[in-house]
């Protein structure tokens, strides 16, 4: 965790890392709700979680161009289409499920 992060963020991050180690998790799923409320996500190796908490998790921006049937409805690979790269920082009020 970054030393310049607020104390509650550092402590929350350390608690998450301890929980991952205590449970022996090998992978952690980071999820976000898209514009329709559909849960999208990315799985990272447990060894990468510390870095993800600090720097954020990149997300394929084309996920934001999908409808509720998971079809791309906006042009992604045309001039003027698509969206900028997307990076989100995980919330530390994380619930871990095995």
Foldseek 3Di string as FASTA:
>chain_A
DDPPDDPVLVVLLVVVLVVCVVVVDQKDWDWDQEPVRDIDIDIDGSVCSSVCQVPFDWDDQQQNQADPVRDRDWDPPDVVTTDDTDTGHDDSVDDDDD
